[in-house]
Amino acid sequence: MSVPGDVIAGAAATGHAVNARVLGTVGSAVCLYWASMALNESVDATVDAVERPQRPVPLRPGPAPDRARRGRRTDRRGLLGARSL
């Protein structure tokens, strides 16, 4: 996962020191990335089961509504964290 490195590299390239604000941005970006993965799993689960049966099962299998709920919750954390920066 390159999300933390991308944020830190961007901060360094623009001359910003790695401080609490940059680390908060890293945390928010990671939450948004994880949320997109969870939401993608919930939306594509039935298609993936047919088209790519060899694809590994998500680490936390469960009913699609539960996976979507976890994704939305993680998305909110990322957005709230970004908003507080």
N, C-alpha and C. Protein backbone atom coordinates (compact mmCIF):
# COMPACT_ATOMS: atom_id res chain seq x y z
N MET A 1 0.84 -1.16 0.00
CA MET A 1 0.00 0.00 0.00
C MET A 1 0.89 1.24 0.00
N SER A 2 0.74 2.06 -1.00
CA SER A 2 1.60 3.22 -1.14
C SER A 2 0.99 4.51 -0.60
N VAL A 3 -0.19 4.44 -0.03
CA VAL A 3 -0.89 5.66 0.41
C VAL A 3 -0.06 6.48 1.40
N PRO A 4 0.47 5.89 2.48
CA PRO A 4 1.25 6.72 3.41
C PRO A 4 2.48 7.34 2.74
N GLY A 5 3.16 6.56 1.93
CA GLY A 5 4.35 7.07 1.24
C GLY A 5 4.03 8.19 0.28
N ASP A 6 2.88 8.10 -0.39
CA ASP A 6 2.48 9.15 -1.32
C ASP A 6 2.26 10.48 -0.60
N VAL A 7 1.61 10.41 0.55
CA VAL A 7 1.33 11.64 1.31
C VAL A 7 2.64 12.24 1.83
N ILE A 8 3.50 11.41 2.37
CA ILE A 8 4.78 11.90 2.92
C ILE A 8 5.66 12.43 1.80
N ALA A 9 5.69 11.74 0.66
CA ALA A 9 6.49 12.22 -0.48
C ALA A 9 5.95 13.55 -0.98
N GLY A 10 4.62 13.69 -1.03
CA GLY A 10 4.03 14.96 -1.45
C GLY A 10 4.40 16.10 -0.51
N ALA A 11 4.37 15.82 0.79
CA ALA A 11 4.74 16.84 1.77
C ALA A 11 6.21 17.23 1.61
N ALA A 12 7.06 16.23 1.43
CA ALA A 12 8.49 16.52 1.27
C ALA A 12 8.76 17.29 -0.02
N ALA A 13 8.05 16.94 -1.08
CA ALA A 13 8.26 17.60 -2.37
C ALA A 13 7.84 19.07 -2.33
N THR A 14 6.92 19.40 -1.46
CA THR A 14 6.46 20.79 -1.36
C THR A 14 7.14 21.54 -0.22
N GLY A 15 8.12 20.90 0.40
CA GLY A 15 8.89 21.57 1.43
C GLY A 15 8.28 21.55 2.82
N HIS A 16 7.27 20.73 3.04
CA HIS A 16 6.65 20.64 4.36
C HIS A 16 7.34 19.57 5.20
N ALA A 17 7.51 19.87 6.48
CA ALA A 17 8.08 18.88 7.39
C ALA A 17 7.02 17.85 7.73
N VAL A 18 7.47 16.65 8.07
CA VAL A 18 6.53 15.61 8.51
C VAL A 18 6.18 15.93 9.96
N ASN A 19 4.98 16.47 10.14
CA ASN A 19 4.51 16.86 11.46
C ASN A 19 3.16 16.20 11.73
N ALA A 20 2.51 16.64 12.79
CA ALA A 20 1.23 16.03 13.17
C ALA A 20 0.18 16.19 12.08
N ARG A 21 0.19 17.30 11.38
CA ARG A 21 -0.79 17.53 10.32
C ARG A 21 -0.58 16.56 9.16
N VAL A 22 0.66 16.34 8.78
CA VAL A 22 0.95 15.40 7.70
C VAL A 22 0.59 13.98 8.13
N LEU A 23 0.90 13.62 9.36
CA LEU A 23 0.56 12.28 9.85
C LEU A 23 -0.95 12.10 9.95
N GLY A 24 -1.67 13.16 10.30
CA GLY A 24 -3.13 13.09 10.31
C GLY A 24 -3.67 12.88 8.90
N THR A 25 -3.04 13.53 7.94
CA THR A 25 -3.43 13.35 6.54
C THR A 25 -3.17 11.92 6.10
N VAL A 26 -2.06 11.35 6.56
CA VAL A 26 -1.76 9.94 6.26
C VAL A 26 -2.88 9.05 6.80
N GLY A 27 -3.27 9.26 8.06
CA GLY A 27 -4.33 8.46 8.66
C GLY A 27 -5.64 8.59 7.92
N SER A 28 -5.99 9.80 7.53
CA SER A 28 -7.23 10.01 6.78
C SER A 28 -7.18 9.33 5.42
N ALA A 29 -6.05 9.45 4.74
CA ALA A 29 -5.90 8.84 3.41
C ALA A 29 -5.99 7.32 3.50
N VAL A 30 -5.40 6.75 4.52
CA VAL A 30 -5.47 5.29 4.70
C VAL A 30 -6.91 4.85 4.95
N CYS A 31 -7.64 5.58 5.80
CA CYS A 31 -9.05 5.24 6.05
C CYS A 31 -9.87 5.31 4.77
N LEU A 32 -9.66 6.34 3.97
CA LEU A 32 -10.40 6.46 2.71
C LEU A 32 -10.04 5.33 1.75
N TYR A 33 -8.77 4.95 1.72
CA TYR A 33 -8.33 3.84 0.85
C TYR A 33 -8.98 2.53 1.29
N TRP A 34 -8.95 2.26 2.60
CA TRP A 34 -9.56 1.02 3.11
C TRP A 34 -11.06 1.02 2.86
N ALA A 35 -11.69 2.18 3.03
CA ALA A 35 -13.13 2.25 2.80
C ALA A 35 -13.47 1.93 1.35
N SER A 36 -12.67 2.45 0.42
CA SER A 36 -12.95 2.17 -0.99
C SER A 36 -12.77 0.69 -1.29
N MET A 37 -11.82 0.05 -0.64
CA MET A 37 -11.64 -1.39 -0.85
C MET A 37 -12.84 -2.17 -0.29
N ALA A 38 -13.31 -1.81 0.89
CA ALA A 38 -14.45 -2.51 1.50
C ALA A 38 -15.71 -2.30 0.69
N LEU A 39 -15.94 -1.08 0.24
CA LEU A 39 -17.13 -0.82 -0.56
C LEU A 39 -17.05 -1.53 -1.91
N ASN A 40 -15.87 -1.58 -2.50
CA ASN A 40 -15.70 -2.32 -3.76
C ASN A 40 -16.02 -3.80 -3.56
N GLU A 41 -15.57 -4.36 -2.46
CA GLU A 41 -15.86 -5.76 -2.17
C GLU A 41 -17.36 -6.00 -2.06
N SER A 42 -18.06 -5.10 -1.40
CA SER A 42 -19.49 -5.31 -1.20
C SER A 42 -20.27 -5.16 -2.51
N VAL A 43 -19.83 -4.26 -3.37
CA VAL A 43 -20.53 -4.03 -4.62
C VAL A 43 -20.22 -5.13 -5.64
N ASP A 44 -18.97 -5.57 -5.70
CA ASP A 44 -18.54 -6.52 -6.73
C ASP A 44 -18.54 -7.98 -6.30
N ALA A 45 -19.03 -8.30 -5.13
CA ALA A 45 -18.92 -9.67 -4.62
C ALA A 45 -19.59 -10.69 -5.53
N THR A 46 -20.78 -10.42 -5.98
CA THR A 46 -21.47 -11.41 -6.82
C THR A 46 -20.83 -11.53 -8.18
N VAL A 47 -20.39 -10.43 -8.75
CA VAL A 47 -19.71 -10.47 -10.06
C VAL A 47 -18.38 -11.20 -9.94
N ASP A 48 -17.62 -10.89 -8.89
CA ASP A 48 -16.32 -11.54 -8.69
C ASP A 48 -16.46 -13.04 -8.48
N ALA A 49 -17.51 -13.46 -7.80
CA ALA A 49 -17.70 -14.89 -7.56
C ALA A 49 -17.87 -15.65 -8.87
N VAL A 50 -18.48 -15.01 -9.86
CA VAL A 50 -18.71 -15.66 -11.15
C VAL A 50 -17.51 -15.48 -12.08
N GLU A 51 -17.04 -14.25 -12.21
CA GLU A 51 -16.00 -13.95 -13.19
C GLU A 51 -14.60 -14.29 -12.72
N ARG A 52 -14.35 -14.22 -11.43
CA ARG A 52 -13.01 -14.49 -10.89
C ARG A 52 -13.09 -15.37 -9.65
N PRO A 53 -13.48 -16.62 -9.81
CA PRO A 53 -13.62 -17.49 -8.63
C PRO A 53 -12.29 -17.77 -7.93
N GLN A 54 -11.18 -17.58 -8.61
CA GLN A 54 -9.87 -17.83 -8.00
C GLN A 54 -9.43 -16.67 -7.09
N ARG A 55 -10.14 -15.56 -7.15
CA ARG A 55 -9.80 -14.39 -6.35
C ARG A 55 -9.96 -14.71 -4.86
N PRO A 56 -8.99 -14.30 -4.05
CA PRO A 56 -9.09 -14.61 -2.61
C PRO A 56 -10.29 -13.94 -1.96
N VAL A 57 -10.79 -14.59 -0.94
CA VAL A 57 -11.92 -14.07 -0.17
C VAL A 57 -11.41 -12.92 0.70
N PRO A 58 -12.21 -11.88 0.91
CA PRO A 58 -11.77 -10.79 1.79
C PRO A 58 -11.40 -11.31 3.18
N LEU A 59 -10.54 -10.56 3.85
CA LEU A 59 -10.09 -10.98 5.18
C LEU A 59 -11.24 -11.09 6.17
N ARG A 60 -12.23 -10.26 6.03
CA ARG A 60 -13.38 -10.30 6.94
C ARG A 60 -14.64 -10.61 6.15
N PRO A 61 -14.83 -11.86 5.78
CA PRO A 61 -16.05 -12.16 5.03
C PRO A 61 -17.27 -11.94 5.90
N GLY A 62 -18.35 -11.72 5.27
CA GLY A 62 -19.60 -11.52 5.98
C GLY A 62 -20.67 -11.13 4.99
N PRO A 63 -21.87 -10.97 5.47
CA PRO A 63 -22.93 -10.56 4.56
C PRO A 63 -22.60 -9.22 3.92
N ALA A 64 -23.03 -9.04 2.69
CA ALA A 64 -22.73 -7.81 1.95
C ALA A 64 -23.13 -6.54 2.71
N PRO A 65 -24.29 -6.50 3.36
CA PRO A 65 -24.63 -5.27 4.10
C PRO A 65 -23.62 -4.95 5.21
N ASP A 66 -23.08 -5.98 5.86
CA ASP A 66 -22.08 -5.74 6.91
C ASP A 66 -20.79 -5.18 6.32
N ARG A 67 -20.36 -5.73 5.18
CA ARG A 67 -19.15 -5.23 4.53
C ARG A 67 -19.35 -3.79 4.10
N ALA A 68 -20.50 -3.47 3.54
CA ALA A 68 -20.78 -2.10 3.11
C ALA A 68 -20.82 -1.16 4.30
N ARG A 69 -21.41 -1.60 5.41
CA ARG A 69 -21.49 -0.77 6.61
C ARG A 69 -20.09 -0.47 7.14
N ARG A 70 -19.22 -1.50 7.16
CA ARG A 70 -17.84 -1.27 7.62
C ARG A 70 -17.13 -0.28 6.71
N GLY A 71 -17.37 -0.40 5.41
CA GLY A 71 -16.75 0.53 4.47
C GLY A 71 -17.21 1.96 4.68
N ARG A 72 -18.51 2.15 4.87
CA ARG A 72 -19.03 3.51 5.10
C ARG A 72 -18.50 4.09 6.41
N ARG A 73 -18.40 3.25 7.44
CA ARG A 73 -17.89 3.72 8.74
C ARG A 73 -16.43 4.16 8.61
N THR A 74 -15.63 3.38 7.90
CA THR A 74 -14.22 3.74 7.69
C THR A 74 -14.12 4.99 6.84
N ASP A 75 -15.00 5.14 5.86
CA ASP A 75 -15.01 6.32 5.01
C ASP A 75 -15.29 7.57 5.84
N ARG A 76 -16.26 7.48 6.74
CA ARG A 76 -16.58 8.62 7.62
C ARG A 76 -15.38 9.00 8.48
N ARG A 77 -14.68 8.00 8.99
CA ARG A 77 -13.49 8.30 9.82
C ARG A 77 -12.46 9.07 9.00
N GLY A 78 -12.24 8.63 7.78
CA GLY A 78 -11.28 9.31 6.92
C GLY A 78 -11.69 10.73 6.61
N LEU A 79 -12.97 10.93 6.30
CA LEU A 79 -13.45 12.27 5.98
C LEU A 79 -13.43 13.18 7.19
N LEU A 80 -13.82 12.67 8.35
CA LEU A 80 -13.79 13.48 9.56
C LEU A 80 -12.35 13.83 9.94
N GLY A 81 -11.46 12.89 9.76
CA GLY A 81 -10.04 13.18 10.06
C GLY A 81 -9.49 14.23 9.13
N ALA A 82 -9.83 14.15 7.85
CA ALA A 82 -9.34 15.13 6.88
C ALA A 82 -9.92 16.52 7.18
N ARG A 83 -11.17 16.54 7.60
CA ARG A 83 -11.82 17.81 7.89
C ARG A 83 -11.21 18.52 9.10
N SER A 84 -10.68 17.74 10.02
CA SER A 84 -10.13 18.34 11.24
C SER A 84 -8.72 18.88 11.04
N LEU A 85 -8.13 18.63 9.87
CA LEU A 85 -6.75 19.09 9.64
C LEU A 85 -6.67 20.55 9.25
